[in-house]
């Protein structure tokens, strides 16, 4: 437990420094985390005899995040072009080296790209927004509040299993507690740090993060159960891997980004 607390404190301090500095340091950090996550999935899927192409994924991830760095809005054409070129290149590699790659490898490679790179991209898009550093903290704090609320509500009142075949310790009562904590944290944060945010918007973002962060957590658990592993890696002492630590945030950041751009800043997505 002590190791877990120390890792969390050090991680939050580093995260705060990187978020506030922004620029290339933030970009390179997200790129590093993204590529680490890809390699975690590679090792995960290797256990079930599926081999994803990390070289292609890392290259196209760099291209995707680089384009996001110079975008203030979601550029759909760049994303579609990136996915198209990745798909073509992986199929081409499979054709010229058909002894190693199978259709399952291609499918899981595309899934790994969508699950990591397409989601990590939203960290950069959020940071690019006007007031992006404050939005980053808003989403992180609300996500952490959801995790904390779900944990304690589950211990105190949890009786009914939420998804026993995926994560047997999670309960419906814990999930509700997580959503309520998420809403409360969102409202408190915006009242103190972002007072220009309307009450309904802070409530809505808190609710969305409460729902989607738990979906992210369960999705990661589904992958780990499918591959019969406990953690994606041991890169973070006491916490496991990058995907173990960021599983909730990978879903909450896109959800918050779309709400902020559509309803708060009202600039559209494209």
C-alpha atoms as a PDB file:
ATOM      1  CA  UNK A   1       0.000   0.000   0.000  1.00  0.00           C
ATOM      2  CA  UNK A   2       2.842   2.406   0.910  1.00  0.00           C
ATOM      3  CA  UNK A   3       4.502   1.757  -2.438  1.00  0.00           C
ATOM      4  CA  UNK A   4       1.212   2.462  -4.202  1.00  0.00           C
ATOM      5  CA  UNK A   5       0.750   5.766  -2.334  1.00  0.00           C
ATOM      6  CA  UNK A   6       4.314   6.912  -3.007  1.00  0.00           C
ATOM      7  CA  UNK A   7       3.986   6.080  -6.722  1.00  0.00           C
ATOM      8  CA  UNK A   8       0.683   7.974  -6.876  1.00  0.00           C
ATOM      9  CA  UNK A   9       2.112  11.084  -5.193  1.00  0.00           C
ATOM     10  CA  UNK A  10       5.210  11.129  -7.394  1.00  0.00           C
ATOM     11  CA  UNK A  11       3.075  10.513 -10.478  1.00  0.00           C
ATOM     12  CA  UNK A  12       0.695  13.374  -9.685  1.00  0.00           C
ATOM     13  CA  UNK A  13       3.589  15.785  -9.106  1.00  0.00           C
ATOM     14  CA  UNK A  14       5.197  14.822 -12.422  1.00  0.00           C
ATOM     15  CA  UNK A  15       1.853  14.951 -14.185  1.00  0.00           C
ATOM     16  CA  UNK A  16       1.154  18.424 -12.819  1.00  0.00           C
ATOM     17  CA  UNK A  17       4.517  19.709 -13.972  1.00  0.00           C
ATOM     18  CA  UNK A  18       4.101  18.249 -17.466  1.00  0.00           C
ATOM     19  CA  UNK A  19       0.510  19.474 -17.882  1.00  0.00           C
ATOM     20  CA  UNK A  20       1.382  23.002 -16.806  1.00  0.00           C
ATOM     21  CA  UNK A  21       4.498  23.191 -18.990  1.00  0.00           C
ATOM     22  CA  UNK A  22       2.655  21.804 -22.025  1.00  0.00           C
ATOM     23  CA  UNK A  23       4.308  22.229 -25.449  1.00  0.00           C
ATOM     24  CA  UNK A  24       6.767  19.544 -26.606  1.00  0.00           C
ATOM     25  CA  UNK A  25       7.294  18.087 -23.130  1.00  0.00           C
ATOM     26  CA  UNK A  26       3.589  17.279 -22.879  1.00  0.00           C
ATOM     27  CA  UNK A  27       3.471  15.925 -26.440  1.00  0.00           C
ATOM     28  CA  UNK A  28       6.497  13.650 -25.953  1.00  0.00           C
ATOM     29  CA  UNK A  29       5.123  12.390 -22.629  1.00  0.00           C
ATOM     30  CA  UNK A  30       1.785  11.414 -24.169  1.00  0.00           C
ATOM     31  CA  UNK A  31       3.592   9.811 -27.116  1.00  0.00           C
ATOM     32  CA  UNK A  32       5.791   7.836 -24.718  1.00  0.00           C
ATOM     33  CA  UNK A  33       2.778   6.669 -22.677  1.00  0.00           C
ATOM     34  CA  UNK A  34       0.949   5.732 -25.885  1.00  0.00           C
ATOM     35  CA  UNK A  35       3.816   3.639 -27.259  1.00  0.00           C
ATOM     36  CA  UNK A  36       4.273   1.962 -23.853  1.00  0.00           C
ATOM     37  CA  UNK A  37       0.563   1.086 -23.916  1.00  0.00           C
ATOM     38  CA  UNK A  38       0.953  -0.455 -27.387  1.00  0.00           C
ATOM     39  CA  UNK A  39       3.814  -2.628 -26.161  1.00  0.00           C
ATOM     40  CA  UNK A  40       1.734  -3.672 -23.149  1.00  0.00           C
ATOM     41  CA  UNK A  41      -0.996  -4.874 -25.502  1.00  0.00           C
ATOM     42  CA  UNK A  42       1.626  -6.651 -27.609  1.00  0.00           C
ATOM     43  CA  UNK A  43       2.816  -8.647 -24.587  1.00  0.00           C
ATOM     44  CA  UNK A  44      -0.768  -9.186 -23.484  1.00  0.00           C
ATOM     45  CA  UNK A  45      -1.970 -10.578 -26.825  1.00  0.00           C
ATOM     46  CA  UNK A  46       1.204 -12.609 -27.283  1.00  0.00           C
ATOM     47  CA  UNK A  47      -0.033 -14.836 -24.456  1.00  0.00           C
ATOM     48  CA  UNK A  48      -2.943 -15.930 -26.669  1.00  0.00           C
ATOM     49  CA  UNK A  49      -0.759 -16.348 -29.766  1.00  0.00           C
ATOM     50  CA  UNK A  50      -1.713 -13.043 -31.386  1.00  0.00           C
ATOM     51  CA  UNK A  51       1.092 -10.827 -32.639  1.00  0.00           C
ATOM     52  CA  UNK A  52       0.362  -7.159 -33.265  1.00  0.00           C
ATOM     53  CA  UNK A  53       2.722  -5.097 -35.391  1.00  0.00           C
ATOM     54  CA  UNK A  54       4.150  -2.568 -32.925  1.00  0.00           C
ATOM     55  CA  UNK A  55       6.516  -1.006 -35.483  1.00  0.00           C
ATOM     56  CA  UNK A  56       3.689   0.120 -37.761  1.00  0.00           C
ATOM     57  CA  UNK A  57       1.510   1.098 -34.811  1.00  0.00           C
ATOM     58  CA  UNK A  58       4.242   3.232 -33.253  1.00  0.00           C
ATOM     59  CA  UNK A  59       4.939   4.998 -36.547  1.00  0.00           C
ATOM     60  CA  UNK A  60       1.314   5.828 -37.273  1.00  0.00           C
ATOM     61  CA  UNK A  61       0.744   6.769 -33.637  1.00  0.00           C
ATOM     62  CA  UNK A  62       3.538   9.327 -33.910  1.00  0.00           C
ATOM     63  CA  UNK A  63       1.978  10.727 -37.076  1.00  0.00           C
ATOM     64  CA  UNK A  64      -1.488  10.892 -35.506  1.00  0.00           C
ATOM     65  CA  UNK A  65      -0.372  12.606 -32.296  1.00  0.00           C
ATOM     66  CA  UNK A  66       1.892  14.966 -34.221  1.00  0.00           C
ATOM     67  CA  UNK A  67      -1.056  16.100 -36.345  1.00  0.00           C
ATOM     68  CA  UNK A  68      -3.166  16.478 -33.181  1.00  0.00           C
ATOM     69  CA  UNK A  69      -0.484  18.685 -31.633  1.00  0.00           C
ATOM     70  CA  UNK A  70      -1.090  21.293 -34.334  1.00  0.00           C
ATOM     71  CA  UNK A  71      -4.872  21.003 -34.254  1.00  0.00           C
ATOM     72  CA  UNK A  72      -7.303  22.835 -32.021  1.00  0.00           C
ATOM     73  CA  UNK A  73     -10.189  20.731 -33.316  1.00  0.00           C
ATOM     74  CA  UNK A  74     -10.667  17.120 -34.329  1.00  0.00           C
ATOM     75  CA  UNK A  75      -9.537  16.760 -37.936  1.00  0.00           C
ATOM     76  CA  UNK A  76     -11.616  13.873 -39.254  1.00  0.00           C
ATOM     77  CA  UNK A  77      -9.868  13.694 -42.637  1.00  0.00           C
ATOM     78  CA  UNK A  78      -6.425  13.292 -41.061  1.00  0.00           C
ATOM     79  CA  UNK A  79      -7.709  10.563 -38.743  1.00  0.00           C
ATOM     80  CA  UNK A  80      -9.392   8.622 -41.554  1.00  0.00           C
ATOM     81  CA  UNK A  81      -6.306   8.941 -43.767  1.00  0.00           C
ATOM     82  CA  UNK A  82      -4.120   7.716 -40.904  1.00  0.00           C
ATOM     83  CA  UNK A  83      -6.313   4.663 -40.314  1.00  0.00           C
ATOM     84  CA  UNK A  84      -6.511   3.932 -44.051  1.00  0.00           C
ATOM     85  CA  UNK A  85      -2.724   4.034 -44.493  1.00  0.00           C
ATOM     86  CA  UNK A  86      -2.209   1.900 -41.390  1.00  0.00           C
ATOM     87  CA  UNK A  87      -4.689  -0.686 -42.664  1.00  0.00           C
ATOM     88  CA  UNK A  88      -3.082  -0.801 -46.099  1.00  0.00           C
ATOM     89  CA  UNK A  89       0.448  -1.079 -44.707  1.00  0.00           C
ATOM     90  CA  UNK A  90      -0.443  -3.902 -42.308  1.00  0.00           C
ATOM     91  CA  UNK A  91      -2.202  -5.848 -45.060  1.00  0.00           C
ATOM     92  CA  UNK A  92       0.771  -5.265 -47.375  1.00  0.00           C
ATOM     93  CA  UNK A  93       3.155  -6.593 -44.744  1.00  0.00           C
ATOM     94  CA  UNK A  94       0.933  -9.643 -44.244  1.00  0.00           C
ATOM     95  CA  UNK A  95       0.921 -10.344 -47.977  1.00  0.00           C
ATOM     96  CA  UNK A  96       4.712 -10.270 -48.344  1.00  0.00           C
ATOM     97  CA  UNK A  97       5.290 -12.169 -45.088  1.00  0.00           C
ATOM     98  CA  UNK A  98       2.271 -14.449 -44.875  1.00  0.00           C
ATOM     99  CA  UNK A  99       4.052 -17.075 -42.780  1.00  0.00           C
ATOM    100  CA  UNK A 100       3.951 -14.828 -39.712  1.00  0.00           C
ATOM    101  CA  UNK A 101       0.801 -12.753 -39.866  1.00  0.00           C
ATOM    102  CA  UNK A 102      -2.776 -13.911 -39.833  1.00  0.00           C
ATOM    103  CA  UNK A 103      -6.051 -12.065 -40.139  1.00  0.00           C
ATOM    104  CA  UNK A 104      -6.417 -12.129 -36.333  1.00  0.00           C
ATOM    105  CA  UNK A 105      -3.103 -10.289 -36.022  1.00  0.00           C
ATOM    106  CA  UNK A 106      -4.356  -7.593 -38.393  1.00  0.00           C
ATOM    107  CA  UNK A 107      -7.650  -7.199 -36.550  1.00  0.00           C
ATOM    108  CA  UNK A 108      -5.958  -6.959 -33.149  1.00  0.00           C
ATOM    109  CA  UNK A 109      -3.359  -4.516 -34.525  1.00  0.00           C
ATOM    110  CA  UNK A 110      -6.136  -2.179 -35.694  1.00  0.00           C
ATOM    111  CA  UNK A 111      -7.935  -2.625 -32.372  1.00  0.00           C
ATOM    112  CA  UNK A 112      -4.746  -1.783 -30.463  1.00  0.00           C
ATOM    113  CA  UNK A 113      -4.318   1.392 -32.499  1.00  0.00           C
ATOM    114  CA  UNK A 114      -7.900   2.515 -31.895  1.00  0.00           C
ATOM    115  CA  UNK A 115      -7.870   1.566 -28.210  1.00  0.00           C
ATOM    116  CA  UNK A 116      -4.603   3.375 -27.441  1.00  0.00           C
ATOM    117  CA  UNK A 117      -3.678   6.006 -30.038  1.00  0.00           C
ATOM    118  CA  UNK A 118      -7.164   7.211 -30.946  1.00  0.00           C
ATOM    119  CA  UNK A 119      -7.933   7.667 -27.264  1.00  0.00           C
ATOM    120  CA  UNK A 120      -4.586   9.116 -26.136  1.00  0.00           C
ATOM    121  CA  UNK A 121      -4.975  11.664 -28.942  1.00  0.00           C
ATOM    122  CA  UNK A 122      -7.733  13.342 -26.912  1.00  0.00           C
ATOM    123  CA  UNK A 123      -5.255  14.231 -24.150  1.00  0.00           C
ATOM    124  CA  UNK A 124      -3.443  16.410 -26.674  1.00  0.00           C
ATOM    125  CA  UNK A 125      -6.668  17.833 -28.126  1.00  0.00           C
ATOM    126  CA  UNK A 126      -7.862  18.810 -24.649  1.00  0.00           C
ATOM    127  CA  UNK A 127      -4.522  20.466 -23.813  1.00  0.00           C
ATOM    128  CA  UNK A 128      -4.702  22.422 -27.099  1.00  0.00           C
ATOM    129  CA  UNK A 129      -7.989  24.069 -26.126  1.00  0.00           C
ATOM    130  CA  UNK A 130      -8.088  27.548 -24.654  1.00  0.00           C
ATOM    131  CA  UNK A 131      -7.645  26.940 -20.927  1.00  0.00           C
ATOM    132  CA  UNK A 132      -6.542  23.399 -21.745  1.00  0.00           C
ATOM    133  CA  UNK A 133      -4.431  22.919 -18.596  1.00  0.00           C
ATOM    134  CA  UNK A 134      -7.452  23.686 -16.395  1.00  0.00           C
ATOM    135  CA  UNK A 135      -9.598  21.298 -18.440  1.00  0.00           C
ATOM    136  CA  UNK A 136      -6.954  18.584 -18.058  1.00  0.00           C
ATOM    137  CA  UNK A 137      -7.066  18.881 -14.271  1.00  0.00           C
ATOM    138  CA  UNK A 138     -10.852  19.022 -14.315  1.00  0.00           C
ATOM    139  CA  UNK A 139     -11.038  15.688 -16.125  1.00  0.00           C
ATOM    140  CA  UNK A 140      -8.272  13.974 -14.154  1.00  0.00           C
ATOM    141  CA  UNK A 141      -9.604  15.046 -10.744  1.00  0.00           C
ATOM    142  CA  UNK A 142     -13.157  14.042 -11.662  1.00  0.00           C
ATOM    143  CA  UNK A 143     -11.935  10.677 -12.971  1.00  0.00           C
ATOM    144  CA  UNK A 144      -9.944  10.019  -9.794  1.00  0.00           C
ATOM    145  CA  UNK A 145     -12.973  11.018  -7.704  1.00  0.00           C
ATOM    146  CA  UNK A 146     -15.049   8.448  -9.575  1.00  0.00           C
ATOM    147  CA  UNK A 147     -12.502   5.704  -8.893  1.00  0.00           C
ATOM    148  CA  UNK A 148     -12.316   6.667  -5.213  1.00  0.00           C
ATOM    149  CA  UNK A 149     -16.081   6.944  -4.792  1.00  0.00           C
ATOM    150  CA  UNK A 150     -16.692   3.606  -6.476  1.00  0.00           C
ATOM    151  CA  UNK A 151     -14.085   1.930  -4.260  1.00  0.00           C
ATOM    152  CA  UNK A 152     -15.439   3.175  -0.922  1.00  0.00           C
ATOM    153  CA  UNK A 153     -19.113   2.917  -1.873  1.00  0.00           C
ATOM    154  CA  UNK A 154     -18.481  -0.646  -2.975  1.00  0.00           C
ATOM    155  CA  UNK A 155     -16.813  -1.512   0.348  1.00  0.00           C
ATOM    156  CA  UNK A 156     -19.523   0.125   2.457  1.00  0.00           C
ATOM    157  CA  UNK A 157     -22.697  -0.752   0.576  1.00  0.00           C
ATOM    158  CA  UNK A 158     -21.794  -3.055  -2.314  1.00  0.00           C
ATOM    159  CA  UNK A 159     -24.049  -6.101  -2.601  1.00  0.00           C
ATOM    160  CA  UNK A 160     -25.163  -6.485  -6.201  1.00  0.00           C
ATOM    161  CA  UNK A 161     -22.492  -7.412  -8.719  1.00  0.00           C
ATOM    162  CA  UNK A 162     -22.090  -5.042 -11.675  1.00  0.00           C
ATOM    163  CA  UNK A 163     -20.232  -7.291 -14.146  1.00  0.00           C
ATOM    164  CA  UNK A 164     -19.226 -10.486 -12.310  1.00  0.00           C
ATOM    165  CA  UNK A 165     -17.786 -12.203 -15.379  1.00  0.00           C
ATOM    166  CA  UNK A 166     -15.470  -9.264 -16.080  1.00  0.00           C
ATOM    167  CA  UNK A 167     -14.646  -7.729 -12.699  1.00  0.00           C
ATOM    168  CA  UNK A 168     -16.169  -9.747  -9.834  1.00  0.00           C
ATOM    169  CA  UNK A 169     -15.442  -7.160  -7.115  1.00  0.00           C
ATOM    170  CA  UNK A 170     -17.313  -4.257  -8.745  1.00  0.00           C
ATOM    171  CA  UNK A 171     -20.868  -3.621  -7.608  1.00  0.00           C
ATOM    172  CA  UNK A 172     -23.836  -1.585  -8.786  1.00  0.00           C
ATOM    173  CA  UNK A 173     -23.772   0.351  -5.507  1.00  0.00           C
ATOM    174  CA  UNK A 174     -20.089   1.129  -6.031  1.00  0.00           C
ATOM    175  CA  UNK A 175     -20.780   2.290  -9.574  1.00  0.00           C
ATOM    176  CA  UNK A 176     -23.505   4.668  -8.388  1.00  0.00           C
ATOM    177  CA  UNK A 177     -21.191   5.970  -5.678  1.00  0.00           C
ATOM    178  CA  UNK A 178     -18.506   6.584  -8.291  1.00  0.00           C
ATOM    179  CA  UNK A 179     -20.881   8.620 -10.452  1.00  0.00           C
ATOM    180  CA  UNK A 180     -22.044  10.699  -7.460  1.00  0.00           C
ATOM    181  CA  UNK A 181     -18.443  11.392  -6.387  1.00  0.00           C
ATOM    182  CA  UNK A 182     -17.586  12.291  -9.975  1.00  0.00           C
ATOM    183  CA  UNK A 183     -20.456  14.794 -10.168  1.00  0.00           C
ATOM    184  CA  UNK A 184     -19.547  16.301  -6.788  1.00  0.00           C
ATOM    185  CA  UNK A 185     -15.855  16.669  -7.723  1.00  0.00           C
ATOM    186  CA  UNK A 186     -16.749  18.254 -11.061  1.00  0.00           C
ATOM    187  CA  UNK A 187     -19.063  20.818  -9.444  1.00  0.00           C
ATOM    188  CA  UNK A 188     -16.579  21.680  -6.668  1.00  0.00           C
ATOM    189  CA  UNK A 189     -13.679  22.030  -9.105  1.00  0.00           C
ATOM    190  CA  UNK A 190     -15.553  24.318 -11.468  1.00  0.00           C
ATOM    191  CA  UNK A 191     -16.896  26.474  -8.633  1.00  0.00           C
ATOM    192  CA  UNK A 192     -13.335  27.116  -7.430  1.00  0.00           C
ATOM    193  CA  UNK A 193     -11.208  26.952 -10.588  1.00  0.00           C
ATOM    194  CA  UNK A 194     -13.544  27.472 -13.546  1.00  0.00           C
ATOM    195  CA  UNK A 195     -16.402  29.630 -12.218  1.00  0.00           C
ATOM    196  CA  UNK A 196     -17.397  30.599 -15.760  1.00  0.00           C
ATOM    197  CA  UNK A 197     -18.623  27.020 -16.351  1.00  0.00           C
ATOM    198  CA  UNK A 198     -22.387  26.775 -15.937  1.00  0.00           C
ATOM    199  CA  UNK A 199     -23.680  24.517 -13.142  1.00  0.00           C
ATOM    200  CA  UNK A 200     -25.511  22.226 -15.574  1.00  0.00           C
ATOM    201  CA  UNK A 201     -22.347  21.797 -17.675  1.00  0.00           C
ATOM    202  CA  UNK A 202     -20.240  20.867 -14.643  1.00  0.00           C
ATOM    203  CA  UNK A 203     -22.932  18.401 -13.583  1.00  0.00           C
ATOM    204  CA  UNK A 204     -23.160  16.924 -17.084  1.00  0.00           C
ATOM    205  CA  UNK A 205     -19.393  16.537 -17.430  1.00  0.00           C
ATOM    206  CA  UNK A 206     -19.223  14.930 -13.979  1.00  0.00           C
ATOM    207  CA  UNK A 207     -21.933  12.459 -14.948  1.00  0.00           C
ATOM    208  CA  UNK A 208     -20.323  11.640 -18.306  1.00  0.00           C
ATOM    209  CA  UNK A 209     -16.916  11.092 -16.733  1.00  0.00           C
ATOM    210  CA  UNK A 210     -18.489   8.977 -13.994  1.00  0.00           C
ATOM    211  CA  UNK A 211     -20.079   6.707 -16.587  1.00  0.00           C
ATOM    212  CA  UNK A 212     -17.331   6.575 -19.199  1.00  0.00           C
ATOM    213  CA  UNK A 213     -14.421   6.232 -16.785  1.00  0.00           C
ATOM    214  CA  UNK A 214     -16.052   3.112 -15.356  1.00  0.00           C
ATOM    215  CA  UNK A 215     -16.595   1.811 -18.872  1.00  0.00           C
ATOM    216  CA  UNK A 216     -12.881   2.338 -19.489  1.00  0.00           C
ATOM    217  CA  UNK A 217     -12.015   0.435 -16.331  1.00  0.00           C
ATOM    218  CA  UNK A 218     -14.285  -2.468 -17.244  1.00  0.00           C
ATOM    219  CA  UNK A 219     -12.999  -2.518 -20.831  1.00  0.00           C
ATOM    220  CA  UNK A 220      -9.428  -2.910 -19.594  1.00  0.00           C
ATOM    221  CA  UNK A 221     -10.591  -5.671 -17.241  1.00  0.00           C
ATOM    222  CA  UNK A 222     -12.286  -7.402 -20.172  1.00  0.00           C
ATOM    223  CA  UNK A 223      -9.019  -7.420 -22.144  1.00  0.00           C
ATOM    224  CA  UNK A 224      -7.022  -8.697 -19.161  1.00  0.00           C
ATOM    225  CA  UNK A 225      -9.542 -11.460 -18.468  1.00  0.00           C
ATOM    226  CA  UNK A 226      -9.504 -12.442 -22.139  1.00  0.00           C
ATOM    227  CA  UNK A 227      -5.714 -12.778 -22.000  1.00  0.00           C
ATOM    228  CA  UNK A 228      -5.719 -14.225 -18.458  1.00  0.00           C
ATOM    229  CA  UNK A 229      -3.435 -11.620 -16.860  1.00  0.00           C
ATOM    230  CA  UNK A 230      -3.710  -9.539 -13.680  1.00  0.00           C
ATOM    231  CA  UNK A 231      -1.847  -6.413 -14.816  1.00  0.00           C
ATOM    232  CA  UNK A 232      -0.728  -5.159 -18.225  1.00  0.00           C
ATOM    233  CA  UNK A 233       2.822  -4.668 -16.911  1.00  0.00           C
ATOM    234  CA  UNK A 234       4.728  -3.632 -13.777  1.00  0.00           C
ATOM    235  CA  UNK A 235       6.173  -0.345 -15.053  1.00  0.00           C
ATOM    236  CA  UNK A 236       4.466   1.692 -12.280  1.00  0.00           C
ATOM    237  CA  UNK A 237       5.274   0.277  -8.815  1.00  0.00           C
ATOM    238  CA  UNK A 238       2.106  -0.669  -6.987  1.00  0.00           C
ATOM    239  CA  UNK A 239      -0.163   0.232  -9.909  1.00  0.00           C
ATOM    240  CA  UNK A 240       0.788  -2.110 -12.747  1.00  0.00           C
ATOM    241  CA  UNK A 241       1.116  -0.812 -16.297  1.00  0.00           C
ATOM    242  CA  UNK A 242       0.260   2.339 -18.217  1.00  0.00           C
ATOM    243  CA  UNK A 243      -3.072   0.870 -19.265  1.00  0.00           C
ATOM    244  CA  UNK A 244      -3.813  -0.169 -15.679  1.00  0.00           C
ATOM    245  CA  UNK A 245      -3.316   3.433 -14.546  1.00  0.00           C
ATOM    246  CA  UNK A 246      -4.925   5.242 -17.487  1.00  0.00           C
ATOM    247  CA  UNK A 247      -7.746   2.838 -18.383  1.00  0.00           C
ATOM    248  CA  UNK A 248     -10.443   5.098 -16.917  1.00  0.00           C
ATOM    249  CA  UNK A 249      -8.952   8.311 -18.307  1.00  0.00           C
ATOM    250  CA  UNK A 250      -8.751   6.846 -21.821  1.00  0.00           C
ATOM    251  CA  UNK A 251     -12.541   6.863 -21.955  1.00  0.00           C
ATOM    252  CA  UNK A 252     -13.282   9.932 -19.833  1.00  0.00           C
ATOM    253  CA  UNK A 253     -11.061  12.302 -21.845  1.00  0.00           C
ATOM    254  CA  UNK A 254     -12.846  11.742 -25.188  1.00  0.00           C
ATOM    255  CA  UNK A 255     -16.258  12.019 -23.502  1.00  0.00           C
ATOM    256  CA  UNK A 256     -15.286  15.296 -21.833  1.00  0.00           C
ATOM    257  CA  UNK A 257     -13.615  16.640 -24.992  1.00  0.00           C
ATOM    258  CA  UNK A 258     -16.722  16.230 -27.120  1.00  0.00           C
ATOM    259  CA  UNK A 259     -18.946  17.812 -24.496  1.00  0.00           C
ATOM    260  CA  UNK A 260     -16.579  20.762 -23.957  1.00  0.00           C
ATOM    261  CA  UNK A 261     -16.134  21.483 -27.666  1.00  0.00           C
ATOM    262  CA  UNK A 262     -19.810  21.071 -28.538  1.00  0.00           C
ATOM    263  CA  UNK A 263     -21.597  22.630 -25.565  1.00  0.00           C
ATOM    264  CA  UNK A 264     -19.150  24.768 -23.583  1.00  0.00           C
ATOM    265  CA  UNK A 265     -16.839  26.302 -26.166  1.00  0.00           C
ATOM    266  CA  UNK A 266     -19.403  25.702 -28.925  1.00  0.00           C
ATOM    267  CA  UNK A 267     -16.856  25.687 -31.709  1.00  0.00           C
ATOM    268  CA  UNK A 268     -17.790  22.352 -33.252  1.00  0.00           C
ATOM    269  CA  UNK A 269     -15.494  19.390 -33.734  1.00  0.00           C
ATOM    270  CA  UNK A 270     -13.989  19.986 -37.173  1.00  0.00           C
END
